[in-house]
Amino acid sequence: MGTSERPRRITMTPAAQRVLEAAARLFYERGIHAVGVDLIATEAGVTKKTLYDRFGSKEQIVVEYLADRDERWRTFLTQHLAAAQPTPAARVLAVFDASRAWSAKNSPKGCSMVNAHAEISDPSHPAHPIITGQKQWMLALFTDLARDITPDGAGRLGQTLLLLHEGALVAHGLNVFADPISHAREQAQALLAAIGDSAAKR
């Protein structure tokens, strides 16, 4: 499977939803490789047969887990952007605000995609396109937002903003220092202000 292809998804039944909820909690708390289907089935209150009937494999459960988190994050971020002030800088900073709010509620151990990539680095794994796809989407989003600030330098600025954002997510997960996402937001704000000042002097 190429990295641009989206993996197959399943139709969720009530039993499948219970499996997904249990797996999502266990995968995030303990790691994907550390959690077996026996534990997932027990936590979900279903038999292993039901689990395999619904998903077919553990790999498919991983796909559904990551795809669900990805979809919820994109919806959450889109709502934050819709509510942000319409200025280009405010919209960039709204991404960091959304990440801070999301991480406080959903990601105390860091970004689920970054964590998953530490265990799933093989591009042939069906979940791999979800992991890389989210980060490619974030780069495209930052680049689009940067285009309203510096049309000629949008690509470079988009990459810089992504580095600030992703570095903050990793630091948050590692608990290296307090509130790294706010610190990254401050650095992004200073960078955007410097770009604005430079443009005004031309």
N, C-alpha and C. Protein backbone atom coordinates (compact mmCIF):
# COMPACT_ATOMS: atom_id res chain seq x y z
N MET A 1 0.84 -1.20 0.00
CA MET A 1 0.00 0.00 0.00
C MET A 1 0.87 1.24 0.00
N GLY A 2 0.64 2.17 -0.90
CA GLY A 2 1.40 3.40 -0.95
C GLY A 2 1.00 4.33 0.18
N THR A 3 1.88 5.25 0.51
CA THR A 3 1.61 6.14 1.62
C THR A 3 0.47 7.11 1.33
N SER A 4 0.09 7.27 0.06
CA SER A 4 -0.99 8.19 -0.27
C SER A 4 -2.36 7.53 -0.21
N GLU A 5 -2.39 6.20 -0.08
CA GLU A 5 -3.66 5.49 -0.08
C GLU A 5 -4.23 5.44 1.33
N ARG A 6 -5.56 5.62 1.40
CA ARG A 6 -6.23 5.47 2.68
C ARG A 6 -6.60 4.01 2.87
N PRO A 7 -6.43 3.47 4.07
CA PRO A 7 -6.71 2.06 4.29
C PRO A 7 -8.20 1.75 4.32
N ARG A 8 -8.50 0.48 4.17
CA ARG A 8 -9.88 0.01 4.27
C ARG A 8 -10.42 0.28 5.67
N ARG A 9 -11.69 0.64 5.74
CA ARG A 9 -12.36 0.86 7.03
C ARG A 9 -13.53 -0.12 7.17
N ILE A 10 -13.98 -0.34 8.37
CA ILE A 10 -15.10 -1.24 8.60
C ILE A 10 -16.32 -0.44 9.06
N THR A 11 -17.49 -1.07 8.96
CA THR A 11 -18.72 -0.48 9.48
C THR A 11 -18.83 -0.84 10.96
N MET A 12 -19.06 0.16 11.79
CA MET A 12 -19.08 -0.05 13.23
C MET A 12 -20.44 -0.57 13.71
N THR A 13 -20.42 -1.74 14.36
CA THR A 13 -21.57 -2.24 15.09
C THR A 13 -21.39 -1.85 16.56
N PRO A 14 -22.41 -2.00 17.40
CA PRO A 14 -22.21 -1.71 18.84
C PRO A 14 -21.06 -2.49 19.46
N ALA A 15 -20.95 -3.77 19.10
CA ALA A 15 -19.84 -4.58 19.64
C ALA A 15 -18.50 -4.07 19.14
N ALA A 16 -18.43 -3.73 17.87
CA ALA A 16 -17.18 -3.20 17.31
C ALA A 16 -16.81 -1.88 17.97
N GLN A 17 -17.80 -1.07 18.27
CA GLN A 17 -17.53 0.20 18.93
C GLN A 17 -16.95 -0.01 20.33
N ARG A 18 -17.47 -1.00 21.03
CA ARG A 18 -16.91 -1.31 22.35
C ARG A 18 -15.47 -1.79 22.24
N VAL A 19 -15.21 -2.60 21.23
CA VAL A 19 -13.83 -3.06 20.99
C VAL A 19 -12.92 -1.87 20.69
N LEU A 20 -13.38 -0.98 19.84
CA LEU A 20 -12.56 0.17 19.46
C LEU A 20 -12.28 1.06 20.66
N GLU A 21 -13.28 1.30 21.48
CA GLU A 21 -13.08 2.15 22.66
C GLU A 21 -12.09 1.53 23.63
N ALA A 22 -12.21 0.23 23.85
CA ALA A 22 -11.26 -0.45 24.73
C ALA A 22 -9.85 -0.44 24.14
N ALA A 23 -9.76 -0.75 22.86
CA ALA A 23 -8.44 -0.78 22.21
C ALA A 23 -7.80 0.60 22.21
N ALA A 24 -8.58 1.63 21.94
CA ALA A 24 -8.03 2.99 21.89
C ALA A 24 -7.42 3.36 23.23
N ARG A 25 -8.12 3.06 24.30
CA ARG A 25 -7.60 3.38 25.64
C ARG A 25 -6.32 2.58 25.92
N LEU A 26 -6.36 1.29 25.63
CA LEU A 26 -5.20 0.44 25.91
C LEU A 26 -4.01 0.77 25.03
N PHE A 27 -4.25 0.96 23.74
CA PHE A 27 -3.15 1.30 22.82
C PHE A 27 -2.46 2.59 23.25
N TYR A 28 -3.27 3.58 23.61
CA TYR A 28 -2.66 4.87 23.96
C TYR A 28 -1.92 4.78 25.29
N GLU A 29 -2.49 4.08 26.26
CA GLU A 29 -1.88 4.01 27.59
C GLU A 29 -0.65 3.11 27.63
N ARG A 30 -0.69 1.98 26.88
CA ARG A 30 0.34 0.95 27.04
C ARG A 30 1.21 0.74 25.81
N GLY A 31 0.77 1.22 24.66
CA GLY A 31 1.49 0.98 23.42
C GLY A 31 0.79 -0.09 22.60
N ILE A 32 0.92 0.01 21.30
CA ILE A 32 0.21 -0.89 20.41
C ILE A 32 0.73 -2.32 20.50
N HIS A 33 2.03 -2.49 20.47
CA HIS A 33 2.61 -3.84 20.48
C HIS A 33 2.39 -4.55 21.82
N ALA A 34 2.26 -3.78 22.89
CA ALA A 34 2.13 -4.37 24.22
C ALA A 34 0.74 -4.91 24.51
N VAL A 35 -0.23 -4.55 23.67
CA VAL A 35 -1.63 -4.91 23.92
C VAL A 35 -2.06 -6.00 22.94
N GLY A 36 -2.53 -7.13 23.48
CA GLY A 36 -2.99 -8.22 22.64
C GLY A 36 -4.50 -8.24 22.50
N VAL A 37 -4.97 -9.06 21.58
CA VAL A 37 -6.41 -9.12 21.31
C VAL A 37 -7.16 -9.74 22.48
N ASP A 38 -6.53 -10.61 23.24
CA ASP A 38 -7.20 -11.20 24.41
C ASP A 38 -7.59 -10.11 25.41
N LEU A 39 -6.66 -9.22 25.68
CA LEU A 39 -6.93 -8.14 26.64
C LEU A 39 -8.00 -7.19 26.08
N ILE A 40 -7.90 -6.87 24.80
CA ILE A 40 -8.89 -5.98 24.20
C ILE A 40 -10.29 -6.60 24.30
N ALA A 41 -10.41 -7.87 23.97
CA ALA A 41 -11.71 -8.55 24.03
C ALA A 41 -12.25 -8.56 25.46
N THR A 42 -11.38 -8.84 26.42
CA THR A 42 -11.81 -8.86 27.82
C THR A 42 -12.29 -7.49 28.26
N GLU A 43 -11.53 -6.46 27.95
CA GLU A 43 -11.90 -5.10 28.36
C GLU A 43 -13.17 -4.63 27.67
N ALA A 44 -13.40 -5.12 26.45
CA ALA A 44 -14.59 -4.72 25.69
C ALA A 44 -15.82 -5.54 26.05
N GLY A 45 -15.62 -6.66 26.76
CA GLY A 45 -16.73 -7.52 27.12
C GLY A 45 -17.26 -8.32 25.95
N VAL A 46 -16.35 -8.71 25.04
CA VAL A 46 -16.75 -9.52 23.89
C VAL A 46 -15.82 -10.73 23.81
N THR A 47 -16.20 -11.71 23.02
CA THR A 47 -15.33 -12.86 22.79
C THR A 47 -14.30 -12.54 21.71
N LYS A 48 -13.22 -13.31 21.70
CA LYS A 48 -12.24 -13.13 20.62
C LYS A 48 -12.87 -13.39 19.26
N LYS A 49 -13.80 -14.33 19.22
CA LYS A 49 -14.47 -14.60 17.95
C LYS A 49 -15.22 -13.38 17.45
N THR A 50 -15.94 -12.71 18.36
CA THR A 50 -16.65 -11.49 17.97
C THR A 50 -15.67 -10.43 17.48
N LEU A 51 -14.56 -10.30 18.19
CA LEU A 51 -13.54 -9.32 17.80
C LEU A 51 -13.06 -9.60 16.38
N TYR A 52 -12.70 -10.84 16.10
CA TYR A 52 -12.19 -11.17 14.76
C TYR A 52 -13.29 -11.12 13.71
N ASP A 53 -14.53 -11.44 14.10
CA ASP A 53 -15.64 -11.32 13.15
C ASP A 53 -15.82 -9.88 12.71
N ARG A 54 -15.65 -8.97 13.65
CA ARG A 54 -15.89 -7.55 13.34
C ARG A 54 -14.71 -6.90 12.63
N PHE A 55 -13.49 -7.22 13.07
CA PHE A 55 -12.30 -6.51 12.57
C PHE A 55 -11.42 -7.35 11.65
N GLY A 56 -11.41 -8.65 11.83
CA GLY A 56 -10.58 -9.51 10.99
C GLY A 56 -9.16 -9.69 11.48
N SER A 57 -8.61 -8.65 12.11
CA SER A 57 -7.21 -8.72 12.57
C SER A 57 -6.94 -7.60 13.55
N LYS A 58 -5.85 -7.75 14.31
CA LYS A 58 -5.42 -6.66 15.19
C LYS A 58 -5.01 -5.44 14.37
N GLU A 59 -4.40 -5.67 13.22
CA GLU A 59 -3.99 -4.55 12.37
C GLU A 59 -5.16 -3.65 12.03
N GLN A 60 -6.33 -4.27 11.76
CA GLN A 60 -7.49 -3.46 11.42
C GLN A 60 -7.99 -2.66 12.62
N ILE A 61 -7.84 -3.21 13.82
CA ILE A 61 -8.20 -2.45 15.01
C ILE A 61 -7.29 -1.23 15.14
N VAL A 62 -6.01 -1.41 14.86
CA VAL A 62 -5.06 -0.30 14.91
C VAL A 62 -5.44 0.77 13.88
N VAL A 63 -5.81 0.33 12.69
CA VAL A 63 -6.25 1.27 11.65
C VAL A 63 -7.44 2.09 12.14
N GLU A 64 -8.43 1.41 12.71
CA GLU A 64 -9.63 2.11 13.17
C GLU A 64 -9.31 3.05 14.32
N TYR A 65 -8.44 2.64 15.21
CA TYR A 65 -8.03 3.48 16.34
C TYR A 65 -7.38 4.77 15.87
N LEU A 66 -6.41 4.66 14.98
CA LEU A 66 -5.70 5.85 14.52
C LEU A 66 -6.56 6.70 13.60
N ALA A 67 -7.35 6.06 12.74
CA ALA A 67 -8.22 6.82 11.85
C ALA A 67 -9.26 7.60 12.63
N ASP A 68 -9.79 6.99 13.69
CA ASP A 68 -10.78 7.67 14.52
C ASP A 68 -10.17 8.89 15.21
N ARG A 69 -8.98 8.73 15.77
CA ARG A 69 -8.32 9.87 16.42
C ARG A 69 -8.00 10.96 15.41
N ASP A 70 -7.55 10.56 14.23
CA ASP A 70 -7.23 11.52 13.19
C ASP A 70 -8.46 12.32 12.79
N GLU A 71 -9.57 11.64 12.58
CA GLU A 71 -10.80 12.32 12.18
C GLU A 71 -11.30 13.27 13.27
N ARG A 72 -11.22 12.81 14.51
CA ARG A 72 -11.67 13.68 15.61
C ARG A 72 -10.77 14.90 15.76
N TRP A 73 -9.46 14.71 15.58
CA TRP A 73 -8.54 15.85 15.66
C TRP A 73 -8.82 16.86 14.55
N ARG A 74 -9.01 16.38 13.34
CA ARG A 74 -9.26 17.29 12.22
C ARG A 74 -10.54 18.08 12.43
N THR A 75 -11.56 17.42 12.94
CA THR A 75 -12.82 18.12 13.22
C THR A 75 -12.63 19.16 14.32
N PHE A 76 -11.93 18.77 15.38
CA PHE A 76 -11.65 19.67 16.50
C PHE A 76 -10.88 20.90 16.03
N LEU A 77 -9.84 20.69 15.23
CA LEU A 77 -9.03 21.79 14.74
C LEU A 77 -9.82 22.69 13.79
N THR A 78 -10.60 22.09 12.92
CA THR A 78 -11.41 22.86 11.98
C THR A 78 -12.37 23.77 12.73
N GLN A 79 -12.94 23.28 13.81
CA GLN A 79 -13.86 24.10 14.61
C GLN A 79 -13.12 25.26 15.26
N HIS A 80 -11.90 25.00 15.75
CA HIS A 80 -11.09 26.07 16.34
C HIS A 80 -10.76 27.14 15.31
N LEU A 81 -10.40 26.71 14.11
CA LEU A 81 -10.06 27.67 13.06
C LEU A 81 -11.28 28.50 12.66
N ALA A 82 -12.45 27.86 12.64
CA ALA A 82 -13.67 28.58 12.27
C ALA A 82 -14.02 29.65 13.30
N ALA A 83 -13.65 29.40 14.57
CA ALA A 83 -13.97 30.34 15.63
C ALA A 83 -12.88 31.40 15.84
N ALA A 84 -11.75 31.25 15.18
CA ALA A 84 -10.63 32.18 15.37
C ALA A 84 -10.89 33.52 14.70
N GLN A 85 -10.16 34.52 15.15
CA GLN A 85 -10.19 35.81 14.47
C GLN A 85 -9.72 35.62 13.03
N PRO A 86 -10.25 36.38 12.09
CA PRO A 86 -9.95 36.11 10.68
C PRO A 86 -8.58 36.56 10.19
N THR A 87 -7.78 37.19 11.03
CA THR A 87 -6.47 37.64 10.56
C THR A 87 -5.56 36.43 10.34
N PRO A 88 -4.65 36.50 9.38
CA PRO A 88 -3.76 35.36 9.10
C PRO A 88 -2.97 34.88 10.31
N ALA A 89 -2.42 35.82 11.09
CA ALA A 89 -1.63 35.42 12.25
C ALA A 89 -2.50 34.74 13.30
N ALA A 90 -3.70 35.25 13.50
CA ALA A 90 -4.60 34.66 14.50
C ALA A 90 -4.96 33.23 14.13
N ARG A 91 -5.13 32.98 12.85
CA ARG A 91 -5.49 31.64 12.42
C ARG A 91 -4.32 30.66 12.63
N VAL A 92 -3.11 31.12 12.40
CA VAL A 92 -1.94 30.27 12.69
C VAL A 92 -1.88 29.94 14.17
N LEU A 93 -2.04 30.95 15.00
CA LEU A 93 -1.93 30.75 16.44
C LEU A 93 -3.08 29.90 16.97
N ALA A 94 -4.22 29.92 16.28
CA ALA A 94 -5.35 29.09 16.68
C ALA A 94 -5.03 27.60 16.58
N VAL A 95 -4.12 27.24 15.69
CA VAL A 95 -3.71 25.84 15.58
C VAL A 95 -3.01 25.41 16.87
N PHE A 96 -2.14 26.26 17.38
CA PHE A 96 -1.44 25.95 18.62
C PHE A 96 -2.42 25.93 19.81
N ASP A 97 -3.38 26.85 19.81
CA ASP A 97 -4.39 26.85 20.87
C ASP A 97 -5.20 25.56 20.84
N ALA A 98 -5.56 25.11 19.64
CA ALA A 98 -6.32 23.88 19.50
C ALA A 98 -5.50 22.69 20.00
N SER A 99 -4.22 22.65 19.65
CA SER A 99 -3.36 21.55 20.08
C SER A 99 -3.21 21.52 21.60
N ARG A 100 -3.11 22.68 22.19
CA ARG A 100 -2.97 22.74 23.65
C ARG A 100 -4.24 22.21 24.32
N ALA A 101 -5.41 22.63 23.81
CA ALA A 101 -6.67 22.17 24.38
C ALA A 101 -6.87 20.67 24.16
N TRP A 102 -6.56 20.21 22.95
CA TRP A 102 -6.71 18.79 22.63
C TRP A 102 -5.77 17.93 23.48
N SER A 103 -4.52 18.37 23.61
CA SER A 103 -3.54 17.59 24.34
C SER A 103 -3.90 17.49 25.82
N ALA A 104 -4.41 18.58 26.38
CA ALA A 104 -4.79 18.56 27.79
C ALA A 104 -5.91 17.56 28.05
N LYS A 105 -6.80 17.40 27.09
CA LYS A 105 -7.96 16.53 27.26
C LYS A 105 -7.73 15.10 26.77
N ASN A 106 -7.03 14.97 25.65
CA ASN A 106 -6.95 13.68 24.96
C ASN A 106 -5.58 13.05 24.87
N SER A 107 -4.52 13.81 25.11
CA SER A 107 -3.18 13.30 24.81
C SER A 107 -2.16 13.62 25.91
N PRO A 108 -2.39 13.14 27.15
CA PRO A 108 -1.43 13.43 28.21
C PRO A 108 -0.06 12.81 27.96
N LYS A 109 -0.01 11.75 27.14
CA LYS A 109 1.27 11.08 26.86
C LYS A 109 1.81 11.45 25.48
N GLY A 110 1.32 12.55 24.93
CA GLY A 110 1.83 13.00 23.65
C GLY A 110 0.96 12.61 22.48
N CYS A 111 1.39 13.00 21.30
CA CYS A 111 0.64 12.78 20.07
C CYS A 111 0.51 11.28 19.77
N SER A 112 -0.69 10.82 19.56
CA SER A 112 -0.91 9.39 19.28
C SER A 112 -0.24 8.97 17.97
N MET A 113 -0.16 9.88 17.00
CA MET A 113 0.46 9.53 15.73
C MET A 113 1.99 9.40 15.89
N VAL A 114 2.58 10.31 16.61
CA VAL A 114 4.02 10.22 16.88
C VAL A 114 4.33 8.95 17.67
N ASN A 115 3.52 8.69 18.68
CA ASN A 115 3.73 7.49 19.49
C ASN A 115 3.57 6.22 18.65
N ALA A 116 2.55 6.21 17.80
CA ALA A 116 2.31 5.04 16.96
C ALA A 116 3.45 4.84 15.95
N HIS A 117 3.99 5.94 15.44
CA HIS A 117 5.07 5.81 14.46
C HIS A 117 6.32 5.18 15.06
N ALA A 118 6.51 5.37 16.36
CA ALA A 118 7.64 4.73 17.02
C ALA A 118 7.52 3.21 16.98
N GLU A 119 6.28 2.72 16.84
CA GLU A 119 6.04 1.27 16.77
C GLU A 119 5.72 0.79 15.36
N ILE A 120 5.25 1.68 14.52
CA ILE A 120 4.84 1.30 13.16
C ILE A 120 5.59 2.19 12.17
N SER A 121 6.77 1.79 11.80
CA SER A 121 7.56 2.57 10.84
C SER A 121 7.58 1.94 9.46
N ASP A 122 6.99 0.75 9.32
CA ASP A 122 6.97 0.04 8.05
C ASP A 122 5.88 0.62 7.15
N PRO A 123 6.23 1.19 6.00
CA PRO A 123 5.22 1.78 5.12
C PRO A 123 4.17 0.79 4.62
N SER A 124 4.47 -0.51 4.69
CA SER A 124 3.49 -1.49 4.22
C SER A 124 2.40 -1.77 5.25
N HIS A 125 2.57 -1.30 6.48
CA HIS A 125 1.53 -1.50 7.50
C HIS A 125 0.31 -0.66 7.11
N PRO A 126 -0.89 -1.22 7.19
CA PRO A 126 -2.07 -0.47 6.74
C PRO A 126 -2.35 0.81 7.52
N ALA A 127 -1.81 0.94 8.72
CA ALA A 127 -2.03 2.16 9.50
C ALA A 127 -1.01 3.25 9.18
N HIS A 128 0.06 2.88 8.49
CA HIS A 128 1.14 3.85 8.24
C HIS A 128 0.66 5.09 7.48
N PRO A 129 -0.19 4.93 6.45
CA PRO A 129 -0.67 6.13 5.73
C PRO A 129 -1.49 7.09 6.60
N ILE A 130 -2.12 6.56 7.63
CA ILE A 130 -2.88 7.44 8.53
C ILE A 130 -1.92 8.31 9.32
N ILE A 131 -0.86 7.68 9.83
CA ILE A 131 0.12 8.41 10.63
C ILE A 131 0.79 9.51 9.81
N THR A 132 1.37 9.12 8.68
CA THR A 132 2.06 10.10 7.85
C THR A 132 1.09 11.07 7.20
N GLY A 133 -0.11 10.58 6.90
CA GLY A 133 -1.10 11.44 6.27
C GLY A 133 -1.52 12.60 7.15
N GLN A 134 -1.62 12.34 8.45
CA GLN A 134 -1.99 13.45 9.34
C GLN A 134 -0.92 14.53 9.34
N LYS A 135 0.33 14.14 9.37
CA LYS A 135 1.41 15.12 9.42
C LYS A 135 1.53 15.86 8.07
N GLN A 136 1.29 15.15 6.97
CA GLN A 136 1.28 15.83 5.67
C GLN A 136 0.13 16.83 5.60
N TRP A 137 -1.00 16.46 6.18
CA TRP A 137 -2.15 17.37 6.22
C TRP A 137 -1.84 18.60 7.06
N MET A 138 -1.15 18.40 8.18
CA MET A 138 -0.78 19.53 9.02
C MET A 138 0.20 20.45 8.30
N LEU A 139 1.16 19.88 7.57
CA LEU A 139 2.10 20.70 6.80
C LEU A 139 1.35 21.50 5.74
N ALA A 140 0.42 20.87 5.05
CA ALA A 140 -0.36 21.58 4.03
C ALA A 140 -1.19 22.68 4.65
N LEU A 141 -1.75 22.42 5.83
CA LEU A 141 -2.55 23.44 6.52
C LEU A 141 -1.69 24.64 6.90
N PHE A 142 -0.54 24.38 7.54
CA PHE A 142 0.34 25.49 7.92
C PHE A 142 0.82 26.26 6.68
N THR A 143 1.09 25.56 5.61
CA THR A 143 1.55 26.22 4.39
C THR A 143 0.45 27.09 3.80
N ASP A 144 -0.78 26.60 3.81
CA ASP A 144 -1.91 27.40 3.33
C ASP A 144 -2.10 28.65 4.18
N LEU A 145 -2.00 28.49 5.49
CA LEU A 145 -2.14 29.64 6.38
C LEU A 145 -0.98 30.62 6.17
N ALA A 146 0.22 30.08 5.94
CA ALA A 146 1.39 30.94 5.73
C ALA A 146 1.28 31.73 4.44
N ARG A 147 0.55 31.22 3.48
CA ARG A 147 0.42 31.88 2.18
C ARG A 147 -0.22 33.27 2.31
N ASP A 148 -1.07 33.43 3.32
CA ASP A 148 -1.71 34.72 3.55
C ASP A 148 -0.78 35.70 4.27
N ILE A 149 0.34 35.19 4.75
CA ILE A 149 1.29 36.02 5.49
C ILE A 149 2.49 36.38 4.62
N THR A 150 3.02 35.41 3.93
CA THR A 150 4.17 35.62 3.05
C THR A 150 4.03 34.72 1.84
N PRO A 151 3.34 35.17 0.81
CA PRO A 151 3.08 34.32 -0.36
C PRO A 151 4.33 33.67 -0.94
N ASP A 152 5.40 34.42 -1.01
CA ASP A 152 6.63 33.88 -1.61
C ASP A 152 7.36 32.91 -0.68
N GLY A 153 7.14 33.05 0.60
CA GLY A 153 7.86 32.20 1.56
C GLY A 153 6.97 31.22 2.28
N ALA A 154 5.80 30.92 1.70
CA ALA A 154 4.82 30.08 2.39
C ALA A 154 5.35 28.68 2.68
N GLY A 155 6.07 28.11 1.73
CA GLY A 155 6.58 26.76 1.93
C GLY A 155 7.54 26.69 3.10
N ARG A 156 8.45 27.62 3.14
CA ARG A 156 9.45 27.64 4.22
C ARG A 156 8.79 27.92 5.57
N LEU A 157 7.88 28.90 5.60
CA LEU A 157 7.21 29.23 6.85
C LEU A 157 6.33 28.07 7.32
N GLY A 158 5.66 27.43 6.39
CA GLY A 158 4.85 26.28 6.76
C GLY A 158 5.66 25.18 7.42
N GLN A 159 6.84 24.91 6.88
CA GLN A 159 7.72 23.90 7.46
C GLN A 159 8.17 24.31 8.86
N THR A 160 8.51 25.59 9.03
CA THR A 160 8.97 26.07 10.34
C THR A 160 7.86 25.96 11.37
N LEU A 161 6.67 26.34 10.99
CA LEU A 161 5.54 26.25 11.92
C LEU A 161 5.26 24.79 12.30
N LEU A 162 5.37 23.89 11.32
CA LEU A 162 5.16 22.47 11.62
C LEU A 162 6.22 21.96 12.60
N LEU A 163 7.47 22.38 12.40
CA LEU A 163 8.52 21.96 13.32
C LEU A 163 8.25 22.46 14.74
N LEU A 164 7.83 23.70 14.87
CA LEU A 164 7.48 24.23 16.19
C LEU A 164 6.35 23.42 16.81
N HIS A 165 5.34 23.15 16.01
CA HIS A 165 4.15 22.44 16.48
C HIS A 165 4.50 21.00 16.90
N GLU A 166 5.19 20.28 16.04
CA GLU A 166 5.49 18.88 16.33
C GLU A 166 6.50 18.74 17.47
N GLY A 167 7.46 19.64 17.51
CA GLY A 167 8.41 19.62 18.63
C GLY A 167 7.71 19.84 19.96
N ALA A 168 6.72 20.72 19.96
CA ALA A 168 5.96 20.97 21.18
C ALA A 168 5.16 19.75 21.60
N LEU A 169 4.59 19.03 20.61
CA LEU A 169 3.83 17.82 20.95
C LEU A 169 4.73 16.76 21.57
N VAL A 170 5.93 16.60 21.03
CA VAL A 170 6.87 15.62 21.57
C VAL A 170 7.29 16.03 22.99
N ALA A 171 7.62 17.30 23.18
CA ALA A 171 8.02 17.78 24.50
C ALA A 171 6.89 17.62 25.51
N HIS A 172 5.65 17.82 25.04
CA HIS A 172 4.49 17.62 25.92
C HIS A 172 4.41 16.17 26.36
N GLY A 173 4.56 15.25 25.42
CA GLY A 173 4.48 13.83 25.75
C GLY A 173 5.58 13.37 26.69
N LEU A 174 6.75 13.94 26.53
CA LEU A 174 7.90 13.57 27.37
C LEU A 174 7.91 14.31 28.70
N ASN A 175 7.06 15.34 28.80
CA ASN A 175 7.01 16.16 30.03
C ASN A 175 8.38 16.75 30.36
N VAL A 176 9.04 17.25 29.32
CA VAL A 176 10.38 17.81 29.49
C VAL A 176 10.34 19.10 30.30
N PHE A 177 9.37 19.95 30.01
CA PHE A 177 9.16 21.18 30.77
C PHE A 177 7.69 21.55 30.66
N ALA A 178 7.28 22.49 31.50
CA ALA A 178 5.86 22.82 31.59
C ALA A 178 5.37 23.54 30.34
N ASP A 179 4.21 23.15 29.86
CA ASP A 179 3.45 23.85 28.83
C ASP A 179 4.26 24.17 27.57
N PRO A 180 4.86 23.18 26.94
CA PRO A 180 5.67 23.44 25.75
C PRO A 180 4.86 23.97 24.56
N ILE A 181 3.56 23.63 24.50
CA ILE A 181 2.77 24.09 23.36
C ILE A 181 2.56 25.60 23.44
N SER A 182 2.37 26.13 24.65
CA SER A 182 2.28 27.58 24.79
C SER A 182 3.59 28.25 24.42
N HIS A 183 4.70 27.61 24.78
CA HIS A 183 6.01 28.17 24.42
C HIS A 183 6.18 28.19 22.90
N ALA A 184 5.78 27.11 22.25
CA ALA A 184 5.86 27.08 20.79
C ALA A 184 4.96 28.14 20.17
N ARG A 185 3.80 28.35 20.77
CA ARG A 185 2.90 29.40 20.28
C ARG A 185 3.56 30.77 20.37
N GLU A 186 4.24 31.03 21.48
CA GLU A 186 4.93 32.31 21.66
C GLU A 186 6.02 32.49 20.59
N GLN A 187 6.74 31.40 20.30
CA GLN A 187 7.79 31.48 19.28
C GLN A 187 7.18 31.72 17.90
N ALA A 188 6.06 31.08 17.63
CA ALA A 188 5.37 31.29 16.35
C ALA A 188 4.88 32.74 16.24
N GLN A 189 4.33 33.25 17.34
CA GLN A 189 3.84 34.63 17.34
C GLN A 189 4.97 35.61 17.09
N ALA A 190 6.13 35.38 17.73
CA ALA A 190 7.28 36.26 17.53
C ALA A 190 7.78 36.18 16.08
N LEU A 191 7.77 34.99 15.51
CA LEU A 191 8.20 34.82 14.12
C LEU A 191 7.27 35.55 13.17
N LEU A 192 5.97 35.42 13.39
CA LEU A 192 5.00 36.09 12.51
C LEU A 192 5.12 37.61 12.64
N ALA A 193 5.36 38.09 13.86
CA ALA A 193 5.53 39.53 14.06
C ALA A 193 6.76 40.04 13.32
N ALA A 194 7.85 39.26 13.38
CA ALA A 194 9.07 39.66 12.68
C ALA A 194 8.86 39.69 11.18
N ILE A 195 8.11 38.74 10.66
CA ILE A 195 7.81 38.72 9.22
C ILE A 195 6.97 39.94 8.85
N GLY A 196 6.01 40.27 9.72
CA GLY A 196 5.17 41.44 9.49
C GLY A 196 5.97 42.72 9.50
N ASP A 197 6.90 42.84 10.46
CA ASP A 197 7.74 44.04 10.53
C ASP A 197 8.62 44.16 9.29
N SER A 198 9.17 43.04 8.86
CA SER A 198 10.03 43.06 7.68
C SER A 198 9.26 43.48 6.43
N ALA A 199 8.04 42.98 6.31
CA ALA A 199 7.23 43.34 5.17
C ALA A 199 6.84 44.81 5.18
N ALA A 200 6.61 45.35 6.38
CA ALA A 200 6.20 46.75 6.49
C ALA A 200 7.33 47.72 6.13
N LYS A 201 8.59 47.26 6.27
CA LYS A 201 9.73 48.13 5.98
C LYS A 201 10.13 48.13 4.51
N ARG A 202 9.51 47.25 3.75
CA ARG A 202 9.90 47.18 2.31
C ARG A 202 9.31 48.37 1.54
